[in-house]
Amino acid sequence: MADQPRIFADLIADHDRQRELIAQIDATSGDSPERRDLFEQLRLELQSHAAAEEESLYATMLANPELREDARHSVSEHKEVDDLLGELMDIEMSSSAWLSKFRAMKDRYLHHIDEEEEEMFPTAEKELSAEEEERLGKIFEKRKPKELERAEAHPPGDERE
């Protein structure tokens, strides 16, 4: 879609960055500085993205009976990925257990964002007005940097306020 609403364009741009980081991590091995750096970038990106997405798009979707179930499903998947990130932080990166857990998280997250892009976003786009989509894009863009700061201070698994 060339004329994609701002909120969905922002979210998909984040998803594309996340896919790239995941692929880069998957190509690393052992407890290398590269793997550590890429994983920290991914952790911060996923945490800030999920929180900003929940505070913008999902908050609005939860208020709409036609979209509520999709939003609830996606929020639960965010929690699942956050838990997996927390577990990864507690496992030695050079172990086969880390790689196995990372690949489980990767599969879960890639499924989640594919589902969002192929099913949830098109459904939401039909239900939301152009004004709502623009407003949500602004909220997301304002929240994401704040959530990035928060992610730096609060690793996965920390209780969100």
C-alpha atoms as a PDB file:
ATOM      1  CA  MET A   1       0.000   0.000   0.000  1.00  0.00           C
ATOM      2  CA  ALA A   2       1.567   3.229  -1.103  1.00  0.00           C
ATOM      3  CA  ASP A   3      -0.835   5.326   0.934  1.00  0.00           C
ATOM      4  CA  GLN A   4      -0.628   3.323   4.141  1.00  0.00           C
ATOM      5  CA  PRO A   5      -1.966   5.008   7.301  1.00  0.00           C
ATOM      6  CA  ARG A   6       0.768   6.467   9.497  1.00  0.00           C
ATOM      7  CA  ILE A   7       0.262   4.117  12.464  1.00  0.00           C
ATOM      8  CA  PHE A   8       0.562   0.986  10.336  1.00  0.00           C
ATOM      9  CA  ALA A   9       3.512   2.344   8.350  1.00  0.00           C
ATOM     10  CA  ASP A  10       5.320   3.103  11.637  1.00  0.00           C
ATOM     11  CA  LEU A  11       4.606  -0.335  13.074  1.00  0.00           C
ATOM     12  CA  ILE A  12       5.647  -2.161   9.918  1.00  0.00           C
ATOM     13  CA  ALA A  13       8.876  -0.129   9.698  1.00  0.00           C
ATOM     14  CA  ASP A  14       9.654  -1.287  13.252  1.00  0.00           C
ATOM     15  CA  HIS A  15       8.820  -4.880  12.315  1.00  0.00           C
ATOM     16  CA  ASP A  16      11.222  -4.693   9.374  1.00  0.00           C
ATOM     17  CA  ARG A  17      14.030  -3.442  11.676  1.00  0.00           C
ATOM     18  CA  GLN A  18      13.228  -6.224  14.134  1.00  0.00           C
ATOM     19  CA  ARG A  19      13.295  -8.890  11.425  1.00  0.00           C
ATOM     20  CA  GLU A  20      16.735  -7.647  10.369  1.00  0.00           C
ATOM     21  CA  LEU A  21      18.085  -7.693  13.939  1.00  0.00           C
ATOM     22  CA  ILE A  22      16.715 -11.208  14.474  1.00  0.00           C
ATOM     23  CA  ALA A  23      18.388 -12.423  11.274  1.00  0.00           C
ATOM     24  CA  GLN A  24      21.680 -10.810  12.305  1.00  0.00           C
ATOM     25  CA  ILE A  25      21.546 -12.422  15.759  1.00  0.00           C
ATOM     26  CA  ASP A  26      20.689 -15.790  14.234  1.00  0.00           C
ATOM     27  CA  ALA A  27      23.857 -15.540  12.123  1.00  0.00           C
ATOM     28  CA  THR A  28      26.100 -15.023  15.190  1.00  0.00           C
ATOM     29  CA  SER A  29      27.599 -17.717  17.364  1.00  0.00           C
ATOM     30  CA  GLY A  30      28.770 -18.046  20.930  1.00  0.00           C
ATOM     31  CA  ASP A  31      29.026 -15.319  23.513  1.00  0.00           C
ATOM     32  CA  SER A  32      30.453 -12.738  21.122  1.00  0.00           C
ATOM     33  CA  PRO A  33      30.411  -8.955  21.529  1.00  0.00           C
ATOM     34  CA  GLU A  34      28.430  -8.802  18.270  1.00  0.00           C
ATOM     35  CA  ARG A  35      25.720 -11.144  19.590  1.00  0.00           C
ATOM     36  CA  ARG A  36      25.523  -9.240  22.888  1.00  0.00           C
ATOM     37  CA  ASP A  37      25.210  -5.878  21.117  1.00  0.00           C
ATOM     38  CA  LEU A  38      22.625  -7.076  18.610  1.00  0.00           C
ATOM     39  CA  PHE A  39      20.585  -8.817  21.298  1.00  0.00           C
ATOM     40  CA  GLU A  40      20.541  -5.672  23.446  1.00  0.00           C
ATOM     41  CA  GLN A  41      19.408  -3.640  20.422  1.00  0.00           C
ATOM     42  CA  LEU A  42      16.650  -6.179  19.768  1.00  0.00           C
ATOM     43  CA  ARG A  43      15.577  -6.265  23.421  1.00  0.00           C
ATOM     44  CA  LEU A  44      15.252  -2.493  23.585  1.00  0.00           C
ATOM     45  CA  GLU A  45      13.484  -2.362  20.237  1.00  0.00           C
ATOM     46  CA  LEU A  46      10.965  -5.076  21.135  1.00  0.00           C
ATOM     47  CA  GLN A  47      10.176  -3.679  24.568  1.00  0.00           C
ATOM     48  CA  SER A  48       9.737  -0.081  23.409  1.00  0.00           C
ATOM     49  CA  HIS A  49       7.763  -1.110  20.323  1.00  0.00           C
ATOM     50  CA  ALA A  50       5.371  -3.337  22.267  1.00  0.00           C
ATOM     51  CA  ALA A  51       4.685  -0.733  24.946  1.00  0.00           C
ATOM     52  CA  ALA A  52       4.139   2.105  22.458  1.00  0.00           C
ATOM     53  CA  GLU A  53       1.947  -0.131  20.279  1.00  0.00           C
ATOM     54  CA  GLU A  54      -0.160  -1.105  23.306  1.00  0.00           C
ATOM     55  CA  GLU A  55      -0.562   2.532  24.373  1.00  0.00           C
ATOM     56  CA  SER A  56      -1.590   3.680  20.904  1.00  0.00           C
ATOM     57  CA  LEU A  57      -3.203   1.139  18.591  1.00  0.00           C
ATOM     58  CA  TYR A  58      -4.149  -1.550  21.103  1.00  0.00           C
ATOM     59  CA  ALA A  59      -5.680   0.892  23.590  1.00  0.00           C
ATOM     60  CA  THR A  60      -8.017   2.100  20.850  1.00  0.00           C
ATOM     61  CA  MET A  61      -8.717  -1.420  19.603  1.00  0.00           C
ATOM     62  CA  LEU A  62      -9.656  -2.601  23.099  1.00  0.00           C
ATOM     63  CA  ALA A  63     -12.373   0.058  23.202  1.00  0.00           C
ATOM     64  CA  ASN A  64     -13.870  -1.228  19.937  1.00  0.00           C
ATOM     65  CA  PRO A  65     -15.931  -4.449  20.301  1.00  0.00           C
ATOM     66  CA  GLU A  66     -15.074  -5.439  16.711  1.00  0.00           C
ATOM     67  CA  LEU A  67     -11.318  -5.248  17.412  1.00  0.00           C
ATOM     68  CA  ARG A  68     -11.095  -6.140  21.104  1.00  0.00           C
ATOM     69  CA  GLU A  69     -10.294  -9.834  20.734  1.00  0.00           C
ATOM     70  CA  ASP A  70      -7.444  -9.169  18.271  1.00  0.00           C
ATOM     71  CA  ALA A  71      -5.957  -6.616  20.671  1.00  0.00           C
ATOM     72  CA  ARG A  72      -6.196  -8.970  23.658  1.00  0.00           C
ATOM     73  CA  HIS A  73      -4.554 -11.745  21.660  1.00  0.00           C
ATOM     74  CA  SER A  74      -1.693  -9.488  20.613  1.00  0.00           C
ATOM     75  CA  VAL A  75      -1.145  -8.123  24.133  1.00  0.00           C
ATOM     76  CA  SER A  76      -0.838 -11.698  25.411  1.00  0.00           C
ATOM     77  CA  GLU A  77       1.716 -12.439  22.683  1.00  0.00           C
ATOM     78  CA  HIS A  78       3.712  -9.358  23.704  1.00  0.00           C
ATOM     79  CA  LYS A  79       3.824 -10.703  27.265  1.00  0.00           C
ATOM     80  CA  GLU A  80       4.960 -14.097  26.003  1.00  0.00           C
ATOM     81  CA  VAL A  81       7.814 -12.552  23.980  1.00  0.00           C
ATOM     82  CA  ASP A  82       8.774 -10.308  26.923  1.00  0.00           C
ATOM     83  CA  ASP A  83       8.988 -13.401  29.161  1.00  0.00           C
ATOM     84  CA  LEU A  84      11.168 -15.180  26.580  1.00  0.00           C
ATOM     85  CA  LEU A  85      13.484 -12.149  26.377  1.00  0.00           C
ATOM     86  CA  GLY A  86      13.812 -12.203  30.166  1.00  0.00           C
ATOM     87  CA  GLU A  87      14.678 -15.898  30.089  1.00  0.00           C
ATOM     88  CA  LEU A  88      17.277 -15.281  27.374  1.00  0.00           C
ATOM     89  CA  MET A  89      18.945 -12.660  29.558  1.00  0.00           C
ATOM     90  CA  ASP A  90      19.387 -15.313  32.270  1.00  0.00           C
ATOM     91  CA  ILE A  91      20.976 -17.954  30.016  1.00  0.00           C
ATOM     92  CA  GLU A  92      24.650 -18.050  29.032  1.00  0.00           C
ATOM     93  CA  MET A  93      24.797 -16.859  25.404  1.00  0.00           C
ATOM     94  CA  SER A  94      27.371 -19.474  24.419  1.00  0.00           C
ATOM     95  CA  SER A  95      25.115 -22.366  25.438  1.00  0.00           C
ATOM     96  CA  SER A  96      22.931 -24.412  23.129  1.00  0.00           C
ATOM     97  CA  ALA A  97      20.059 -23.607  25.519  1.00  0.00           C
ATOM     98  CA  TRP A  98      20.375 -19.906  24.641  1.00  0.00           C
ATOM     99  CA  LEU A  99      20.251 -20.591  20.916  1.00  0.00           C
ATOM    100  CA  SER A 100      17.302 -22.936  21.324  1.00  0.00           C
ATOM    101  CA  LYS A 101      15.391 -20.369  23.427  1.00  0.00           C
ATOM    102  CA  PHE A 102      16.314 -17.576  20.988  1.00  0.00           C
ATOM    103  CA  ARG A 103      14.965 -19.566  18.058  1.00  0.00           C
ATOM    104  CA  ALA A 104      11.747 -20.282  19.969  1.00  0.00           C
ATOM    105  CA  MET A 105      11.380 -16.554  20.668  1.00  0.00           C
ATOM    106  CA  LYS A 106      12.203 -15.757  17.034  1.00  0.00           C
ATOM    107  CA  ASP A 107       9.556 -18.148  15.720  1.00  0.00           C
ATOM    108  CA  ARG A 108       6.967 -16.839  18.183  1.00  0.00           C
ATOM    109  CA  TYR A 109       7.695 -13.199  17.399  1.00  0.00           C
ATOM    110  CA  LEU A 110       7.844 -13.599  13.628  1.00  0.00           C
ATOM    111  CA  HIS A 111       4.493 -15.396  13.781  1.00  0.00           C
ATOM    112  CA  HIS A 112       3.109 -12.510  15.872  1.00  0.00           C
ATOM    113  CA  ILE A 113       4.184  -9.732  13.514  1.00  0.00           C
ATOM    114  CA  ASP A 114       3.111 -11.673  10.423  1.00  0.00           C
ATOM    115  CA  GLU A 115      -0.314 -12.139  12.018  1.00  0.00           C
ATOM    116  CA  GLU A 116      -0.493  -8.428  12.827  1.00  0.00           C
ATOM    117  CA  GLU A 117       0.452  -7.351   9.315  1.00  0.00           C
ATOM    118  CA  GLU A 118      -1.643  -9.907   7.426  1.00  0.00           C
ATOM    119  CA  GLU A 119      -4.764 -10.037   9.601  1.00  0.00           C
ATOM    120  CA  MET A 120      -4.999  -7.541  12.435  1.00  0.00           C
ATOM    121  CA  PHE A 121      -3.830  -4.340  10.736  1.00  0.00           C
ATOM    122  CA  PRO A 122      -6.139  -4.761   7.702  1.00  0.00           C
ATOM    123  CA  THR A 123      -9.094  -5.462  10.029  1.00  0.00           C
ATOM    124  CA  ALA A 124      -8.271  -2.446  12.209  1.00  0.00           C
ATOM    125  CA  GLU A 125      -7.827  -0.245   9.145  1.00  0.00           C
ATOM    126  CA  LYS A 126     -11.399  -1.052   8.093  1.00  0.00           C
ATOM    127  CA  GLU A 127     -12.773  -0.116  11.524  1.00  0.00           C
ATOM    128  CA  LEU A 128     -10.717   3.000  12.287  1.00  0.00           C
ATOM    129  CA  SER A 129     -11.242   6.390  10.705  1.00  0.00           C
ATOM    130  CA  ALA A 130      -8.400   8.193   8.926  1.00  0.00           C
ATOM    131  CA  GLU A 131      -8.392  10.722  11.784  1.00  0.00           C
ATOM    132  CA  GLU A 132      -8.014   7.948  14.385  1.00  0.00           C
ATOM    133  CA  GLU A 133      -5.191   6.351  12.397  1.00  0.00           C
ATOM    134  CA  GLU A 134      -3.359   9.692  12.159  1.00  0.00           C
ATOM    135  CA  ARG A 135      -3.882  10.348  15.882  1.00  0.00           C
ATOM    136  CA  LEU A 136      -2.602   6.873  16.752  1.00  0.00           C
ATOM    137  CA  GLY A 137       0.481   7.395  14.579  1.00  0.00           C
ATOM    138  CA  LYS A 138       1.269  10.574  16.503  1.00  0.00           C
ATOM    139  CA  ILE A 139       0.771   8.832  19.845  1.00  0.00           C
ATOM    140  CA  PHE A 140       3.013   5.941  18.791  1.00  0.00           C
ATOM    141  CA  GLU A 141       5.755   8.281  17.548  1.00  0.00           C
ATOM    142  CA  LYS A 142       5.620  10.272  20.794  1.00  0.00           C
ATOM    143  CA  ARG A 143       5.566   7.188  23.070  1.00  0.00           C
ATOM    144  CA  LYS A 144       8.248   5.091  21.380  1.00  0.00           C
ATOM    145  CA  PRO A 145      11.272   7.222  22.475  1.00  0.00           C
ATOM    146  CA  LYS A 146       9.879   7.406  26.017  1.00  0.00           C
ATOM    147  CA  GLU A 147       9.359   3.659  26.056  1.00  0.00           C
ATOM    148  CA  LEU A 148      12.900   3.160  24.773  1.00  0.00           C
ATOM    149  CA  GLU A 149      14.196   5.078  27.803  1.00  0.00           C
ATOM    150  CA  ARG A 150      11.987   2.957  30.024  1.00  0.00           C
ATOM    151  CA  ALA A 151      13.238  -0.272  28.412  1.00  0.00           C
ATOM    152  CA  GLU A 152      16.826   0.785  29.107  1.00  0.00           C
ATOM    153  CA  ALA A 153      15.958   1.057  32.818  1.00  0.00           C
ATOM    154  CA  HIS A 154      13.636  -1.962  33.066  1.00  0.00           C
ATOM    155  CA  PRO A 155      14.687  -5.306  31.567  1.00  0.00           C
ATOM    156  CA  PRO A 156      12.095  -7.817  30.366  1.00  0.00           C
ATOM    157  CA  GLY A 157       9.970  -9.361  33.045  1.00  0.00           C
ATOM    158  CA  ASP A 158       9.908  -6.194  35.168  1.00  0.00           C
ATOM    159  CA  GLU A 159       6.361  -5.336  36.064  1.00  0.00           C
ATOM    160  CA  ARG A 160       5.021  -2.632  33.812  1.00  0.00           C
ATOM    161  CA  GLU A 161       3.180   0.232  35.421  1.00  0.00           C
END
